Amino acid sequence: MKKYVSWVGILLIVAGTCLLFIGYLLHHTTNAVLLTGLLLIIAGVVGYIQGIKRNQGY
């Protein structure tokens, strides 16, 4: 399971980016949509970094 943490991070980054893009296309850029996309991207970056650290033993 530990080796999949970085993949989950990448998926969260992609999901956050898609959410922001779809919100932009639909002209639905409320603060809730923007904040949710931002939080998904931040969680994905943190998860990806943690996955790299666990696999390399830092």
N, C-alpha and C. Protein backbone atom coordinates (compact mmCIF):
# COMPACT_ATOMS: atom_id res chain seq x y z
N MET A 1 0.82 -1.20 0.00
CA MET A 1 0.00 0.00 0.00
C MET A 1 0.86 1.26 0.00
N LYS A 2 2.04 1.17 0.61
CA LYS A 2 2.89 2.35 0.71
C LYS A 2 3.36 2.83 -0.66
N LYS A 3 3.53 1.89 -1.59
CA LYS A 3 4.02 2.32 -2.90
C LYS A 3 2.95 3.03 -3.73
N TYR A 4 1.70 2.94 -3.32
CA TYR A 4 0.62 3.59 -4.06
C TYR A 4 0.31 4.99 -3.55
N VAL A 5 0.97 5.43 -2.50
CA VAL A 5 0.70 6.76 -1.95
C VAL A 5 1.05 7.84 -2.95
N SER A 6 2.16 7.68 -3.67
CA SER A 6 2.53 8.71 -4.65
C SER A 6 1.54 8.72 -5.82
N TRP A 7 0.99 7.57 -6.18
CA TRP A 7 -0.01 7.54 -7.26
C TRP A 7 -1.30 8.22 -6.83
N VAL A 8 -1.67 8.07 -5.58
CA VAL A 8 -2.86 8.75 -5.07
C VAL A 8 -2.63 10.25 -5.10
N GLY A 9 -1.40 10.67 -4.81
CA GLY A 9 -1.07 12.09 -4.88
C GLY A 9 -1.25 12.64 -6.28
N ILE A 10 -0.78 11.90 -7.28
CA ILE A 10 -0.93 12.32 -8.67
C ILE A 10 -2.41 12.39 -9.05
N LEU A 11 -3.19 11.41 -8.60
CA LEU A 11 -4.62 11.41 -8.92
C LEU A 11 -5.34 12.60 -8.27
N LEU A 12 -4.93 12.97 -7.06
CA LEU A 12 -5.55 14.13 -6.41
C LEU A 12 -5.19 15.42 -7.15
N ILE A 13 -3.96 15.52 -7.62
CA ILE A 13 -3.57 16.71 -8.38
C ILE A 13 -4.38 16.80 -9.67
N VAL A 14 -4.54 15.69 -10.36
CA VAL A 14 -5.31 15.68 -11.60
C VAL A 14 -6.78 15.99 -11.32
N ALA A 15 -7.33 15.44 -10.24
CA ALA A 15 -8.73 15.70 -9.90
C ALA A 15 -8.95 17.18 -9.56
N GLY A 16 -8.03 17.77 -8.82
CA GLY A 16 -8.14 19.19 -8.49
C GLY A 16 -8.04 20.07 -9.72
N THR A 17 -7.12 19.72 -10.61
CA THR A 17 -6.97 20.48 -11.85
C THR A 17 -8.21 20.35 -12.73
N CYS A 18 -8.76 19.16 -12.83
CA CYS A 18 -9.98 18.96 -13.63
C CYS A 18 -11.16 19.73 -13.02
N LEU A 19 -11.24 19.74 -11.70
CA LEU A 19 -12.32 20.47 -11.05
C LEU A 19 -12.23 21.97 -11.35
N LEU A 20 -11.02 22.52 -11.27
CA LEU A 20 -10.85 23.93 -11.59
C LEU A 20 -11.16 24.22 -13.05
N PHE A 21 -10.75 23.33 -13.94
CA PHE A 21 -10.98 23.53 -15.37
C PHE A 21 -12.47 23.44 -15.71
N ILE A 22 -13.15 22.46 -15.14
CA ILE A 22 -14.58 22.30 -15.40
C ILE A 22 -15.36 23.49 -14.81
N GLY A 23 -14.95 23.94 -13.63
CA GLY A 23 -15.59 25.11 -13.06
C GLY A 23 -15.40 26.34 -13.93
N TYR A 24 -14.23 26.47 -14.52
CA TYR A 24 -13.96 27.60 -15.42
C TYR A 24 -14.80 27.50 -16.70
N LEU A 25 -14.89 26.30 -17.26
CA LEU A 25 -15.67 26.13 -18.49
C LEU A 25 -17.16 26.40 -18.27
N LEU A 26 -17.66 26.03 -17.11
CA LEU A 26 -19.08 26.21 -16.82
C LEU A 26 -19.39 27.57 -16.19
N HIS A 27 -18.37 28.41 -16.06
CA HIS A 27 -18.51 29.73 -15.43
C HIS A 27 -19.09 29.61 -14.03
N HIS A 28 -18.67 28.58 -13.34
CA HIS A 28 -19.12 28.32 -11.97
C HIS A 28 -17.91 28.42 -11.04
N THR A 29 -17.37 29.61 -10.93
CA THR A 29 -16.14 29.80 -10.15
C THR A 29 -16.46 30.44 -8.81
N THR A 30 -17.24 29.72 -8.00
CA THR A 30 -17.51 30.20 -6.65
C THR A 30 -16.33 29.85 -5.76
N ASN A 31 -16.32 30.43 -4.58
CA ASN A 31 -15.21 30.17 -3.67
C ASN A 31 -15.13 28.71 -3.24
N ALA A 32 -16.26 28.04 -3.14
CA ALA A 32 -16.26 26.63 -2.72
C ALA A 32 -15.58 25.76 -3.77
N VAL A 33 -15.87 26.00 -5.03
CA VAL A 33 -15.25 25.21 -6.10
C VAL A 33 -13.76 25.49 -6.17
N LEU A 34 -13.38 26.75 -6.08
CA LEU A 34 -11.97 27.11 -6.14
C LEU A 34 -11.20 26.56 -4.95
N LEU A 35 -11.79 26.65 -3.77
CA LEU A 35 -11.12 26.16 -2.57
C LEU A 35 -10.98 24.64 -2.58
N THR A 36 -12.02 23.95 -3.06
CA THR A 36 -11.95 22.50 -3.14
C THR A 36 -10.86 22.05 -4.12
N GLY A 37 -10.78 22.70 -5.26
CA GLY A 37 -9.73 22.38 -6.22
C GLY A 37 -8.35 22.64 -5.65
N LEU A 38 -8.20 23.76 -4.95
CA LEU A 38 -6.91 24.09 -4.35
C LEU A 38 -6.52 23.07 -3.29
N LEU A 39 -7.48 22.68 -2.44
CA LEU A 39 -7.18 21.71 -1.40
C LEU A 39 -6.83 20.34 -1.97
N LEU A 40 -7.49 19.95 -3.06
CA LEU A 40 -7.14 18.68 -3.71
C LEU A 40 -5.73 18.73 -4.27
N ILE A 41 -5.36 19.84 -4.87
CA ILE A 41 -4.01 19.95 -5.43
C ILE A 41 -2.96 19.95 -4.32
N ILE A 42 -3.21 20.68 -3.24
CA ILE A 42 -2.25 20.71 -2.13
C ILE A 42 -2.12 19.33 -1.49
N ALA A 43 -3.24 18.65 -1.28
CA ALA A 43 -3.20 17.30 -0.70
C ALA A 43 -2.46 16.34 -1.63
N GLY A 44 -2.64 16.51 -2.93
CA GLY A 44 -1.93 15.66 -3.88
C GLY A 44 -0.44 15.88 -3.88
N VAL A 45 -0.02 17.13 -3.77
CA VAL A 45 1.42 17.43 -3.72
C VAL A 45 2.03 16.86 -2.45
N VAL A 46 1.35 17.04 -1.32
CA VAL A 46 1.85 16.51 -0.06
C VAL A 46 1.90 14.98 -0.11
N GLY A 47 0.87 14.35 -0.64
CA GLY A 47 0.86 12.90 -0.76
C GLY A 47 1.94 12.38 -1.68
N TYR A 48 2.18 13.08 -2.77
CA TYR A 48 3.22 12.66 -3.70
C TYR A 48 4.60 12.77 -3.06
N ILE A 49 4.85 13.85 -2.34
CA ILE A 49 6.14 14.02 -1.67
C ILE A 49 6.33 12.96 -0.59
N GLN A 50 5.28 12.67 0.17
CA GLN A 50 5.38 11.62 1.19
C GLN A 50 5.65 10.26 0.56
N GLY A 51 5.04 9.99 -0.58
CA GLY A 51 5.29 8.72 -1.27
C GLY A 51 6.73 8.60 -1.74
N ILE A 52 7.29 9.68 -2.23
CA ILE A 52 8.68 9.67 -2.66
C ILE A 52 9.60 9.46 -1.46
N LYS A 53 9.32 10.15 -0.36
CA LYS A 53 10.15 10.02 0.83
C LYS A 53 10.10 8.60 1.38
N ARG A 54 8.95 7.97 1.37
CA ARG A 54 8.84 6.60 1.90
C ARG A 54 9.55 5.60 1.02
N ASN A 55 9.51 5.79 -0.28
CA ASN A 55 10.14 4.83 -1.19
C ASN A 55 11.66 4.95 -1.19
N GLN A 56 12.19 6.14 -0.94
CA GLN A 56 13.63 6.35 -0.99
C GLN A 56 14.27 6.32 0.39
N GLY A 57 13.50 6.30 1.44
CA GLY A 57 14.04 6.17 2.79
C GLY A 57 14.61 7.44 3.37
N TYR A 58 14.10 8.59 2.99
CA TYR A 58 14.59 9.84 3.57
C TYR A 58 14.09 10.02 4.97
